[in-house]
Amino acid sequence: MRTLNKKEIKNLFEKNKFIKKEKINKKDIISYDDKKQIYYVNKKPIIIKIEEKNIPFLKEKELIDWSYFKSIIIDMPAVPFILKGADLLRPGIVEYENFEKNAVVLIKDEKNKVKLSVMKTLFSSEEIKNLEKGKIAKNLHYFNDKYWKEN
């Protein structure tokens, strides 16, 4: 793990608008683990790099602006599958906000609206209106996955 310099930190903030940089002060140590591909603030994970996308760490409550991300609401029967790492299939979707193809979105359950997963969309919201079945989004990080357990 290495500590980021000022230029790298500035770049991190510019590329990841969802970080609440006002909550991070100059005394905080921002670091990156090349092996795990995780960014940390004071040894707390905030971003995981997966498939060249920076994914917010689901456990993080203070440093991530979760409203930055569009949401897809899923029905309750789909929840156990998502929590085992399954990708999102069209029949499980109850509602969704507008998003682009390859967007990073939050998956929430319809009952409690709790964040279960962070996924990369395979289609735009416009495209899925016409779909009745098939894979809609790829599961990148979910509640209690390997990243969650390691951190």
N, C-alpha and C. Protein backbone atom coordinates (compact mmCIF):
# COMPACT_ATOMS: atom_id res chain seq x y z
N MET A 1 0.85 -1.17 0.00
CA MET A 1 0.00 0.00 0.00
C MET A 1 0.89 1.24 0.00
N ARG A 2 0.51 2.20 -0.83
CA ARG A 2 1.31 3.42 -0.90
C ARG A 2 0.42 4.65 -0.69
N THR A 3 1.00 5.67 -0.10
CA THR A 3 0.29 6.92 0.13
C THR A 3 0.30 7.75 -1.15
N LEU A 4 -0.85 8.33 -1.48
CA LEU A 4 -0.95 9.14 -2.69
C LEU A 4 -0.37 10.53 -2.46
N ASN A 5 0.24 11.09 -3.49
CA ASN A 5 0.74 12.46 -3.39
C ASN A 5 -0.39 13.43 -3.71
N LYS A 6 -0.14 14.73 -3.57
CA LYS A 6 -1.18 15.75 -3.76
C LYS A 6 -1.80 15.70 -5.16
N LYS A 7 -0.97 15.49 -6.16
CA LYS A 7 -1.46 15.43 -7.54
C LYS A 7 -2.37 14.22 -7.74
N GLU A 8 -1.98 13.07 -7.19
CA GLU A 8 -2.79 11.86 -7.31
C GLU A 8 -4.13 12.01 -6.57
N ILE A 9 -4.08 12.68 -5.43
CA ILE A 9 -5.31 12.92 -4.65
C ILE A 9 -6.25 13.84 -5.44
N LYS A 10 -5.71 14.88 -6.00
CA LYS A 10 -6.51 15.81 -6.81
C LYS A 10 -7.15 15.06 -7.97
N ASN A 11 -6.38 14.23 -8.63
CA ASN A 11 -6.86 13.43 -9.75
C ASN A 11 -7.97 12.46 -9.30
N LEU A 12 -7.79 11.85 -8.15
CA LEU A 12 -8.78 10.93 -7.59
C LEU A 12 -10.11 11.65 -7.38
N PHE A 13 -10.06 12.84 -6.80
CA PHE A 13 -11.27 13.64 -6.55
C PHE A 13 -11.93 14.07 -7.85
N GLU A 14 -11.13 14.45 -8.83
CA GLU A 14 -11.68 14.90 -10.12
C GLU A 14 -12.39 13.78 -10.86
N LYS A 15 -11.83 12.58 -10.79
CA LYS A 15 -12.41 11.43 -11.51
C LYS A 15 -13.56 10.76 -10.76
N ASN A 16 -13.69 11.06 -9.49
CA ASN A 16 -14.71 10.42 -8.65
C ASN A 16 -15.51 11.48 -7.90
N LYS A 17 -16.43 12.08 -8.61
CA LYS A 17 -17.22 13.20 -8.08
C LYS A 17 -18.08 12.78 -6.89
N PHE A 18 -18.26 11.47 -6.71
CA PHE A 18 -19.08 10.97 -5.61
C PHE A 18 -18.37 10.99 -4.26
N ILE A 19 -17.08 11.29 -4.24
CA ILE A 19 -16.36 11.39 -2.97
C ILE A 19 -16.69 12.74 -2.34
N LYS A 20 -17.05 12.72 -1.07
CA LYS A 20 -17.32 13.97 -0.33
C LYS A 20 -15.98 14.52 0.15
N LYS A 21 -15.31 15.24 -0.75
CA LYS A 21 -13.96 15.70 -0.41
C LYS A 21 -13.94 16.71 0.73
N GLU A 22 -15.07 17.38 0.97
CA GLU A 22 -15.14 18.32 2.09
C GLU A 22 -15.05 17.60 3.44
N LYS A 23 -15.29 16.30 3.44
CA LYS A 23 -15.19 15.50 4.67
C LYS A 23 -13.78 14.96 4.90
N ILE A 24 -12.90 15.19 3.94
CA ILE A 24 -11.52 14.72 4.04
C ILE A 24 -10.63 15.92 4.28
N ASN A 25 -9.84 15.87 5.34
CA ASN A 25 -8.95 17.01 5.62
C ASN A 25 -7.50 16.67 5.28
N LYS A 26 -6.66 17.66 5.37
CA LYS A 26 -5.26 17.51 4.96
C LYS A 26 -4.47 16.52 5.81
N LYS A 27 -4.93 16.26 7.01
CA LYS A 27 -4.25 15.30 7.88
C LYS A 27 -4.60 13.85 7.55
N ASP A 28 -5.70 13.67 6.82
CA ASP A 28 -6.11 12.32 6.45
C ASP A 28 -5.10 11.71 5.47
N ILE A 29 -4.88 10.42 5.61
CA ILE A 29 -3.94 9.72 4.73
C ILE A 29 -4.74 8.95 3.68
N ILE A 30 -4.52 9.32 2.42
CA ILE A 30 -5.19 8.64 1.32
C ILE A 30 -4.16 7.73 0.66
N SER A 31 -4.52 6.46 0.57
CA SER A 31 -3.56 5.48 0.04
C SER A 31 -4.24 4.56 -0.96
N TYR A 32 -3.40 3.80 -1.67
CA TYR A 32 -3.88 2.87 -2.69
C TYR A 32 -3.11 1.57 -2.57
N ASP A 33 -3.84 0.47 -2.59
CA ASP A 33 -3.23 -0.86 -2.58
C ASP A 33 -3.28 -1.39 -4.00
N ASP A 34 -2.12 -1.44 -4.66
CA ASP A 34 -2.04 -1.89 -6.05
C ASP A 34 -2.51 -3.34 -6.23
N LYS A 35 -2.21 -4.17 -5.26
CA LYS A 35 -2.56 -5.58 -5.36
C LYS A 35 -4.08 -5.78 -5.28
N LYS A 36 -4.71 -5.17 -4.28
CA LYS A 36 -6.16 -5.30 -4.10
C LYS A 36 -6.94 -4.32 -4.97
N GLN A 37 -6.28 -3.29 -5.46
CA GLN A 37 -6.89 -2.21 -6.24
C GLN A 37 -8.00 -1.52 -5.44
N ILE A 38 -7.61 -1.09 -4.24
CA ILE A 38 -8.54 -0.40 -3.35
C ILE A 38 -7.91 0.91 -2.87
N TYR A 39 -8.71 1.98 -2.88
CA TYR A 39 -8.30 3.27 -2.32
C TYR A 39 -8.81 3.34 -0.88
N TYR A 40 -7.96 3.90 -0.01
CA TYR A 40 -8.29 4.01 1.41
C TYR A 40 -8.14 5.45 1.88
N VAL A 41 -8.94 5.80 2.88
CA VAL A 41 -8.76 7.05 3.63
C VAL A 41 -8.57 6.60 5.07
N ASN A 42 -7.39 6.89 5.62
CA ASN A 42 -7.06 6.46 6.98
C ASN A 42 -7.31 4.96 7.17
N LYS A 43 -6.86 4.18 6.20
CA LYS A 43 -6.94 2.72 6.20
C LYS A 43 -8.37 2.17 6.10
N LYS A 44 -9.34 3.06 5.82
CA LYS A 44 -10.73 2.64 5.59
C LYS A 44 -10.97 2.62 4.08
N PRO A 45 -11.43 1.51 3.51
CA PRO A 45 -11.64 1.46 2.06
C PRO A 45 -12.79 2.38 1.64
N ILE A 46 -12.58 3.11 0.53
CA ILE A 46 -13.66 3.95 0.01
C ILE A 46 -13.99 3.62 -1.45
N ILE A 47 -12.98 3.17 -2.21
CA ILE A 47 -13.20 2.88 -3.63
C ILE A 47 -12.47 1.59 -3.99
N ILE A 48 -13.17 0.75 -4.77
CA ILE A 48 -12.58 -0.47 -5.29
C ILE A 48 -12.52 -0.31 -6.81
N LYS A 49 -11.37 -0.60 -7.39
CA LYS A 49 -11.24 -0.53 -8.84
C LYS A 49 -11.54 -1.91 -9.42
N ILE A 50 -12.64 -2.00 -10.18
CA ILE A 50 -13.06 -3.27 -10.78
C ILE A 50 -13.37 -3.01 -12.25
N GLU A 51 -12.76 -3.78 -13.11
CA GLU A 51 -12.97 -3.64 -14.56
C GLU A 51 -12.78 -2.19 -15.02
N GLU A 52 -11.72 -1.58 -14.54
CA GLU A 52 -11.37 -0.19 -14.89
C GLU A 52 -12.41 0.83 -14.43
N LYS A 53 -13.33 0.45 -13.56
CA LYS A 53 -14.33 1.37 -13.01
C LYS A 53 -14.06 1.52 -11.52
N ASN A 54 -14.19 2.74 -11.04
CA ASN A 54 -14.06 2.99 -9.61
C ASN A 54 -15.42 2.84 -8.96
N ILE A 55 -15.52 1.86 -8.09
CA ILE A 55 -16.77 1.48 -7.45
C ILE A 55 -16.72 1.93 -5.99
N PRO A 56 -17.76 2.63 -5.51
CA PRO A 56 -17.76 3.01 -4.10
C PRO A 56 -17.92 1.77 -3.22
N PHE A 57 -17.21 1.77 -2.12
CA PHE A 57 -17.28 0.65 -1.18
C PHE A 57 -18.59 0.73 -0.41
N LEU A 58 -19.41 -0.30 -0.47
CA LEU A 58 -20.76 -0.28 0.09
C LEU A 58 -20.83 0.02 1.58
N LYS A 59 -19.82 -0.35 2.34
CA LYS A 59 -19.83 -0.10 3.78
C LYS A 59 -19.66 1.38 4.12
N GLU A 60 -19.09 2.15 3.21
CA GLU A 60 -18.75 3.54 3.49
C GLU A 60 -20.01 4.41 3.61
N LYS A 61 -20.12 5.12 4.73
CA LYS A 61 -21.30 5.94 4.98
C LYS A 61 -21.01 7.45 4.96
N GLU A 62 -19.81 7.85 5.33
CA GLU A 62 -19.50 9.27 5.50
C GLU A 62 -18.88 9.93 4.27
N LEU A 63 -18.03 9.22 3.55
CA LEU A 63 -17.23 9.85 2.50
C LEU A 63 -17.78 9.69 1.08
N ILE A 64 -18.88 8.97 0.94
CA ILE A 64 -19.47 8.75 -0.38
C ILE A 64 -20.84 9.44 -0.46
N ASP A 65 -21.05 10.18 -1.54
CA ASP A 65 -22.35 10.79 -1.80
C ASP A 65 -23.14 9.78 -2.63
N TRP A 66 -23.95 8.99 -1.95
CA TRP A 66 -24.68 7.91 -2.62
C TRP A 66 -25.74 8.45 -3.58
N SER A 67 -26.18 9.69 -3.40
CA SER A 67 -27.19 10.26 -4.30
C SER A 67 -26.62 10.50 -5.71
N TYR A 68 -25.31 10.44 -5.84
CA TYR A 68 -24.65 10.62 -7.14
C TYR A 68 -25.03 9.48 -8.11
N PHE A 69 -25.37 8.32 -7.57
CA PHE A 69 -25.62 7.13 -8.38
C PHE A 69 -27.11 6.91 -8.63
N LYS A 70 -27.43 6.48 -9.83
CA LYS A 70 -28.80 6.10 -10.18
C LYS A 70 -29.08 4.76 -9.51
N SER A 71 -30.38 4.49 -9.29
CA SER A 71 -30.76 3.25 -8.62
C SER A 71 -31.66 2.39 -9.49
N ILE A 72 -31.56 1.10 -9.25
CA ILE A 72 -32.48 0.13 -9.82
C ILE A 72 -33.08 -0.60 -8.61
N ILE A 73 -34.41 -0.62 -8.56
CA ILE A 73 -35.11 -1.29 -7.47
C ILE A 73 -35.51 -2.69 -7.95
N ILE A 74 -35.19 -3.69 -7.10
CA ILE A 74 -35.50 -5.08 -7.48
C ILE A 74 -36.55 -5.67 -6.54
N ASP A 75 -37.24 -6.70 -7.03
CA ASP A 75 -38.24 -7.36 -6.19
C ASP A 75 -37.54 -8.25 -5.16
N MET A 76 -38.27 -8.57 -4.11
CA MET A 76 -37.68 -9.32 -3.00
C MET A 76 -37.20 -10.73 -3.38
N PRO A 77 -37.87 -11.45 -4.29
CA PRO A 77 -37.34 -12.78 -4.66
C PRO A 77 -35.96 -12.72 -5.33
N ALA A 78 -35.58 -11.58 -5.90
CA ALA A 78 -34.27 -11.45 -6.56
C ALA A 78 -33.15 -11.18 -5.55
N VAL A 79 -33.49 -10.70 -4.38
CA VAL A 79 -32.49 -10.28 -3.38
C VAL A 79 -31.49 -11.37 -3.03
N PRO A 80 -31.90 -12.59 -2.67
CA PRO A 80 -30.91 -13.61 -2.29
C PRO A 80 -29.90 -13.91 -3.40
N PHE A 81 -30.35 -13.84 -4.64
CA PHE A 81 -29.45 -14.10 -5.77
C PHE A 81 -28.41 -13.00 -5.92
N ILE A 82 -28.85 -11.76 -5.78
CA ILE A 82 -27.94 -10.61 -5.88
C ILE A 82 -26.90 -10.68 -4.75
N LEU A 83 -27.34 -11.09 -3.57
CA LEU A 83 -26.44 -11.18 -2.41
C LEU A 83 -25.48 -12.37 -2.49
N LYS A 84 -25.67 -13.21 -3.50
CA LYS A 84 -24.72 -14.30 -3.75
C LYS A 84 -23.84 -13.98 -4.95
N GLY A 85 -24.00 -12.75 -5.48
CA GLY A 85 -23.14 -12.32 -6.58
C GLY A 85 -23.73 -12.44 -7.97
N ALA A 86 -25.00 -12.81 -8.06
CA ALA A 86 -25.63 -12.96 -9.37
C ALA A 86 -25.76 -11.61 -10.08
N ASP A 87 -25.72 -11.65 -11.39
CA ASP A 87 -25.97 -10.46 -12.19
C ASP A 87 -27.48 -10.21 -12.19
N LEU A 88 -27.86 -8.98 -12.56
CA LEU A 88 -29.26 -8.60 -12.53
C LEU A 88 -29.97 -8.99 -13.83
N LEU A 89 -31.08 -9.72 -13.69
CA LEU A 89 -31.88 -10.12 -14.83
C LEU A 89 -33.12 -9.21 -14.93
N ARG A 90 -33.60 -9.01 -16.12
CA ARG A 90 -34.72 -8.09 -16.36
C ARG A 90 -35.97 -8.40 -15.53
N PRO A 91 -36.38 -9.68 -15.37
CA PRO A 91 -37.62 -9.93 -14.62
C PRO A 91 -37.58 -9.46 -13.16
N GLY A 92 -36.41 -9.32 -12.57
CA GLY A 92 -36.32 -8.91 -11.17
C GLY A 92 -36.47 -7.42 -10.93
N ILE A 93 -36.50 -6.62 -11.99
CA ILE A 93 -36.54 -5.17 -11.85
C ILE A 93 -37.97 -4.68 -11.64
N VAL A 94 -38.15 -3.87 -10.60
CA VAL A 94 -39.44 -3.28 -10.28
C VAL A 94 -39.53 -1.86 -10.85
N GLU A 95 -38.47 -1.07 -10.62
CA GLU A 95 -38.41 0.30 -11.15
C GLU A 95 -36.96 0.72 -11.28
N TYR A 96 -36.73 1.80 -12.03
CA TYR A 96 -35.37 2.28 -12.24
C TYR A 96 -35.37 3.73 -12.68
N GLU A 97 -34.24 4.37 -12.43
CA GLU A 97 -34.02 5.74 -12.89
C GLU A 97 -33.37 5.67 -14.27
N ASN A 98 -33.30 6.78 -14.96
CA ASN A 98 -32.64 6.82 -16.27
C ASN A 98 -31.13 6.70 -16.09
N PHE A 99 -30.51 5.85 -16.91
CA PHE A 99 -29.06 5.67 -16.87
C PHE A 99 -28.57 5.29 -18.25
N GLU A 100 -27.27 5.46 -18.44
CA GLU A 100 -26.61 5.12 -19.70
C GLU A 100 -26.08 3.69 -19.65
N LYS A 101 -25.74 3.15 -20.80
CA LYS A 101 -25.07 1.86 -20.87
C LYS A 101 -23.69 2.01 -20.21
N ASN A 102 -23.25 0.99 -19.51
CA ASN A 102 -21.97 0.96 -18.78
C ASN A 102 -21.92 1.91 -17.58
N ALA A 103 -23.08 2.33 -17.12
CA ALA A 103 -23.14 3.19 -15.92
C ALA A 103 -22.97 2.34 -14.67
N VAL A 104 -22.45 2.96 -13.63
CA VAL A 104 -22.37 2.32 -12.32
C VAL A 104 -23.65 2.70 -11.58
N VAL A 105 -24.43 1.69 -11.17
CA VAL A 105 -25.71 1.93 -10.51
C VAL A 105 -25.80 1.16 -9.19
N LEU A 106 -26.69 1.63 -8.32
CA LEU A 106 -26.96 0.94 -7.06
C LEU A 106 -28.16 0.05 -7.24
N ILE A 107 -28.10 -1.12 -6.66
CA ILE A 107 -29.23 -2.04 -6.66
C ILE A 107 -29.81 -2.02 -5.25
N LYS A 108 -31.12 -1.74 -5.17
CA LYS A 108 -31.80 -1.66 -3.88
C LYS A 108 -33.02 -2.57 -3.89
N ASP A 109 -33.40 -3.05 -2.69
CA ASP A 109 -34.58 -3.91 -2.61
C ASP A 109 -35.84 -3.04 -2.53
N GLU A 110 -36.97 -3.57 -2.99
CA GLU A 110 -38.20 -2.78 -3.07
C GLU A 110 -38.82 -2.51 -1.69
N LYS A 111 -38.56 -3.36 -0.73
CA LYS A 111 -39.19 -3.21 0.59
C LYS A 111 -38.53 -2.11 1.42
N ASN A 112 -37.21 -2.19 1.58
CA ASN A 112 -36.50 -1.27 2.47
C ASN A 112 -35.67 -0.22 1.75
N LYS A 113 -35.51 -0.37 0.44
CA LYS A 113 -34.67 0.54 -0.38
C LYS A 113 -33.23 0.58 0.13
N VAL A 114 -32.75 -0.58 0.61
CA VAL A 114 -31.39 -0.71 1.12
C VAL A 114 -30.44 -1.03 -0.04
N LYS A 115 -29.23 -0.44 0.01
CA LYS A 115 -28.20 -0.72 -1.01
C LYS A 115 -27.71 -2.16 -0.83
N LEU A 116 -27.87 -2.95 -1.88
CA LEU A 116 -27.43 -4.34 -1.83
C LEU A 116 -26.18 -4.58 -2.65
N SER A 117 -26.04 -3.79 -3.74
CA SER A 117 -25.01 -4.09 -4.72
C SER A 117 -24.69 -2.84 -5.55
N VAL A 118 -23.50 -2.88 -6.13
CA VAL A 118 -23.10 -1.88 -7.12
C VAL A 118 -22.85 -2.66 -8.40
N MET A 119 -23.51 -2.23 -9.48
CA MET A 119 -23.41 -2.96 -10.74
C MET A 119 -23.07 -2.03 -11.90
N LYS A 120 -22.61 -2.66 -12.98
CA LYS A 120 -22.36 -1.96 -14.24
C LYS A 120 -23.46 -2.37 -15.20
N THR A 121 -24.17 -1.38 -15.75
CA THR A 121 -25.28 -1.68 -16.66
C THR A 121 -24.76 -2.16 -18.02
N LEU A 122 -25.48 -3.09 -18.59
CA LEU A 122 -25.13 -3.63 -19.90
C LEU A 122 -25.96 -2.98 -21.01
N PHE A 123 -27.00 -2.26 -20.59
CA PHE A 123 -27.88 -1.53 -21.51
C PHE A 123 -28.22 -0.19 -20.88
N SER A 124 -28.74 0.73 -21.68
CA SER A 124 -29.25 1.99 -21.13
C SER A 124 -30.67 1.74 -20.61
N SER A 125 -31.17 2.65 -19.80
CA SER A 125 -32.54 2.50 -19.29
C SER A 125 -33.54 2.53 -20.44
N GLU A 126 -33.23 3.28 -21.46
CA GLU A 126 -34.09 3.36 -22.65
C GLU A 126 -34.18 1.98 -23.34
N GLU A 127 -33.05 1.31 -23.43
CA GLU A 127 -33.00 0.00 -24.10
C GLU A 127 -33.74 -1.09 -23.32
N ILE A 128 -33.70 -1.02 -21.98
CA ILE A 128 -34.33 -2.11 -21.22
C ILE A 128 -35.85 -2.00 -21.18
N LYS A 129 -36.38 -0.85 -21.57
CA LYS A 129 -37.84 -0.71 -21.63
C LYS A 129 -38.43 -1.75 -22.56
N ASN A 130 -37.71 -2.12 -23.58
CA ASN A 130 -38.20 -3.07 -24.59
C ASN A 130 -37.79 -4.52 -24.31
N LEU A 131 -37.09 -4.75 -23.23
CA LEU A 131 -36.64 -6.11 -22.91
C LEU A 131 -37.55 -6.75 -21.87
N GLU A 132 -37.80 -8.03 -22.04
CA GLU A 132 -38.61 -8.76 -21.07
C GLU A 132 -37.76 -9.73 -20.26
N LYS A 133 -36.62 -10.14 -20.82
CA LYS A 133 -35.75 -11.08 -20.11
C LYS A 133 -34.30 -10.80 -20.49
N GLY A 134 -33.40 -11.49 -19.82
CA GLY A 134 -31.98 -11.34 -20.09
C GLY A 134 -31.24 -10.57 -19.02
N LYS A 135 -29.93 -10.61 -19.12
CA LYS A 135 -29.04 -9.95 -18.16
C LYS A 135 -29.03 -8.44 -18.46
N ILE A 136 -29.23 -7.65 -17.43
CA ILE A 136 -29.32 -6.19 -17.55
C ILE A 136 -28.07 -5.49 -17.00
N ALA A 137 -27.52 -6.05 -15.91
CA ALA A 137 -26.37 -5.42 -15.26
C ALA A 137 -25.46 -6.48 -14.65
N LYS A 138 -24.17 -6.16 -14.61
CA LYS A 138 -23.16 -7.07 -14.06
C LYS A 138 -22.85 -6.68 -12.62
N ASN A 139 -22.92 -7.65 -11.73
CA ASN A 139 -22.67 -7.43 -10.31
C ASN A 139 -21.16 -7.26 -10.08
N LEU A 140 -20.76 -6.10 -9.57
CA LEU A 140 -19.35 -5.83 -9.32
C LEU A 140 -18.97 -5.93 -7.85
N HIS A 141 -19.89 -5.48 -6.99
CA HIS A 141 -19.60 -5.45 -5.55
C HIS A 141 -20.94 -5.53 -4.83
N TYR A 142 -21.04 -6.45 -3.87
CA TYR A 142 -22.31 -6.63 -3.18
C TYR A 142 -22.07 -6.85 -1.69
N PHE A 143 -23.14 -6.68 -0.93
CA PHE A 143 -23.13 -6.84 0.51
C PHE A 143 -22.55 -8.20 0.88
N ASN A 144 -21.53 -8.18 1.73
CA ASN A 144 -20.89 -9.38 2.26
C ASN A 144 -20.05 -10.16 1.24
N ASP A 145 -19.58 -9.50 0.19
CA ASP A 145 -18.71 -10.18 -0.79
C ASP A 145 -17.27 -10.22 -0.27
N LYS A 146 -16.34 -10.65 -1.11
CA LYS A 146 -14.93 -10.79 -0.69
C LYS A 146 -14.33 -9.45 -0.24
N TYR A 147 -14.70 -8.34 -0.90
CA TYR A 147 -14.18 -7.02 -0.50
C TYR A 147 -14.71 -6.64 0.88
N TRP A 148 -15.98 -6.91 1.09
CA TRP A 148 -16.63 -6.60 2.35
C TRP A 148 -15.95 -7.37 3.48
N LYS A 149 -15.74 -8.65 3.25
CA LYS A 149 -15.17 -9.53 4.30
C LYS A 149 -13.70 -9.19 4.60
N GLU A 150 -12.96 -8.78 3.57
CA GLU A 150 -11.53 -8.46 3.75
C GLU A 150 -11.33 -7.12 4.45
N ASN A 151 -12.33 -6.25 4.41
CA ASN A 151 -12.19 -4.90 4.96
C ASN A 151 -13.21 -4.66 6.04
